[in-house]
Amino acid sequence: MPYERQETDGSVRTKPKADSYTPKNPVDIECSIEQTLCVIGGKWSFLVLRELFCGVKRFGELQRKINGISPKALTDTLRHLEEYGVLEREAFPTVPVTVQYTLTPKGEDLHQILKEMKLWAAKWT
């Protein structure tokens, strides 16, 4: 997926090209649930999203809030979600580099879906 690199006031933000933020109006609906699970079905994705629904977070904050996640697993999950345009990564030129993560509109759109899944689990499990 092609990325744009933006530099503003010393920070560097990488995000997918603008077309990945444009919702589609599908004519033929394939198994869109399967496609959704490819994006958010990773072991740690739900927990990362849960934390980012509360606002911008840095790597260390995410790692502290998600019990049992290794730095490699967190890095892989963040890269995966960034690749699919669910979150944005912004790096600031400090020593060491400060990196923060925030949800894109595409990522925010998942909030209601995950709330409904939470309600289902409370009711049926």
Protein backbone atom coordinates (compact mmCIF):
# COMPACT_ATOMS: atom_id res chain seq x y z
CA MET A 1 0.00 0.00 0.00
CA PRO A 2 1.56 3.39 -0.95
CA TYR A 3 2.22 5.81 1.88
CA GLU A 4 2.40 9.58 2.12
CA ARG A 5 5.09 11.12 4.26
CA GLN A 6 4.17 14.46 5.78
CA GLU A 7 6.51 16.67 7.70
CA THR A 8 5.02 19.39 9.85
CA ASP A 9 6.62 21.42 12.60
CA GLY A 10 9.40 18.87 12.92
CA SER A 11 7.18 15.81 13.26
CA VAL A 12 6.91 13.13 10.61
CA ARG A 13 3.59 11.45 9.96
CA THR A 14 3.22 8.44 7.71
CA LYS A 15 -0.20 7.41 6.55
CA PRO A 16 -1.75 5.55 3.68
CA LYS A 17 -2.66 7.58 0.60
CA ALA A 18 -5.95 9.48 0.83
CA ASP A 19 -7.86 6.96 -1.27
CA SER A 20 -7.67 4.40 1.55
CA TYR A 21 -9.87 6.73 3.64
CA THR A 22 -12.64 6.90 1.05
CA PRO A 23 -15.52 4.58 1.94
CA LYS A 24 -16.76 2.30 -0.80
CA ASN A 25 -20.34 1.62 -1.83
CA PRO A 26 -20.11 -2.03 -2.83
CA VAL A 27 -22.45 -3.34 -5.51
CA ASP A 28 -21.68 -7.00 -4.87
CA ILE A 29 -20.99 -7.79 -1.26
CA GLU A 30 -18.44 -10.55 -0.90
CA CYS A 31 -17.75 -11.96 2.51
CA SER A 32 -17.03 -8.58 4.03
CA ILE A 33 -16.86 -10.09 7.51
CA GLU A 34 -13.86 -12.13 6.38
CA GLN A 35 -12.26 -8.98 4.96
CA THR A 36 -12.90 -7.13 8.23
CA LEU A 37 -11.31 -9.94 10.21
CA CYS A 38 -8.22 -9.74 7.99
CA VAL A 39 -7.81 -6.15 9.18
CA ILE A 40 -8.78 -6.40 12.86
CA GLY A 41 -8.69 -10.13 13.60
CA GLY A 42 -5.16 -10.27 14.99
CA LYS A 43 -4.62 -11.48 18.55
CA TRP A 44 -3.85 -8.00 19.92
CA SER A 45 -5.74 -5.74 17.50
CA PHE A 46 -8.88 -5.42 19.61
CA LEU A 47 -6.89 -4.42 22.68
CA VAL A 48 -4.86 -1.84 20.75
CA LEU A 49 -8.06 -0.40 19.27
CA ARG A 50 -9.70 -0.32 22.72
CA GLU A 51 -6.87 1.85 24.02
CA LEU A 52 -6.84 4.15 20.99
CA PHE A 53 -10.61 4.72 21.23
CA CYS A 54 -9.71 6.70 24.38
CA GLY A 55 -7.37 9.00 22.42
CA VAL A 56 -3.81 9.40 21.22
CA LYS A 57 -1.30 7.02 22.82
CA ARG A 58 2.44 6.53 22.72
CA PHE A 59 4.07 3.12 22.31
CA GLY A 60 5.01 2.82 25.99
CA GLU A 61 1.52 3.76 27.12
CA LEU A 62 0.02 1.06 24.91
CA GLN A 63 2.49 -1.52 26.17
CA ARG A 64 1.73 -0.69 29.82
CA LYS A 65 -2.05 -0.81 29.33
CA ILE A 66 -2.12 -4.11 27.40
CA ASN A 67 -1.14 -6.90 29.76
CA GLY A 68 1.15 -9.55 28.34
CA ILE A 69 1.94 -7.94 24.98
CA SER A 70 5.58 -8.05 23.94
CA PRO A 71 7.24 -5.08 22.20
CA LYS A 72 7.51 -7.15 19.00
CA ALA A 73 3.83 -8.15 19.07
CA LEU A 74 2.81 -4.54 19.70
CA THR A 75 5.05 -3.27 16.89
CA ASP A 76 3.68 -5.88 14.47
CA THR A 77 0.08 -5.06 15.41
CA LEU A 78 0.61 -1.31 15.05
CA ARG A 79 2.27 -1.75 11.65
CA HIS A 80 -0.54 -4.01 10.48
CA LEU A 81 -3.26 -1.55 11.54
CA GLU A 82 -1.30 1.33 10.00
CA GLU A 83 -0.93 -0.58 6.73
CA TYR A 84 -4.70 -0.93 6.52
CA GLY A 85 -5.31 2.74 7.31
CA VAL A 86 -6.88 2.11 10.72
CA LEU A 87 -4.36 4.24 12.61
CA GLU A 88 -1.72 6.86 11.94
CA ARG A 89 1.78 7.00 13.33
CA GLU A 90 3.39 10.36 14.03
CA ALA A 91 7.07 10.64 14.96
CA PHE A 92 8.61 13.70 16.60
CA PRO A 93 12.33 14.49 16.28
CA THR A 94 13.29 14.14 19.94
CA VAL A 95 16.00 12.05 21.59
CA PRO A 96 14.84 9.33 21.76
CA VAL A 97 12.23 9.71 19.01
CA THR A 98 8.71 10.24 20.34
CA VAL A 99 6.06 8.30 18.42
CA GLN A 100 2.35 8.57 18.96
CA TYR A 101 -0.57 6.68 17.45
CA THR A 102 -4.07 7.87 16.69
CA LEU A 103 -7.07 6.36 14.97
CA THR A 104 -8.07 7.49 11.51
CA PRO A 105 -11.75 7.99 10.61
CA LYS A 106 -11.62 4.43 9.31
CA GLY A 107 -10.44 3.25 12.73
CA GLU A 108 -13.00 5.34 14.61
CA ASP A 109 -15.69 3.71 12.49
CA LEU A 110 -14.87 0.38 14.19
CA HIS A 111 -15.88 1.68 17.63
CA GLN A 112 -19.59 0.88 17.33
CA ILE A 113 -18.88 -2.58 15.93
CA LEU A 114 -16.63 -3.46 18.85
CA LYS A 115 -19.18 -2.07 21.34
CA GLU A 116 -21.82 -4.37 19.86
CA MET A 117 -19.45 -7.33 20.12
CA LYS A 118 -18.83 -6.45 23.76
CA LEU A 119 -22.58 -6.35 24.44
CA TRP A 120 -23.05 -9.70 22.73
CA ALA A 121 -20.31 -11.26 24.85
CA ALA A 122 -21.83 -9.85 28.04
CA LYS A 123 -25.19 -11.29 27.10
CA TRP A 124 -24.19 -14.70 25.77
CA THR A 125 -20.89 -15.76 27.30
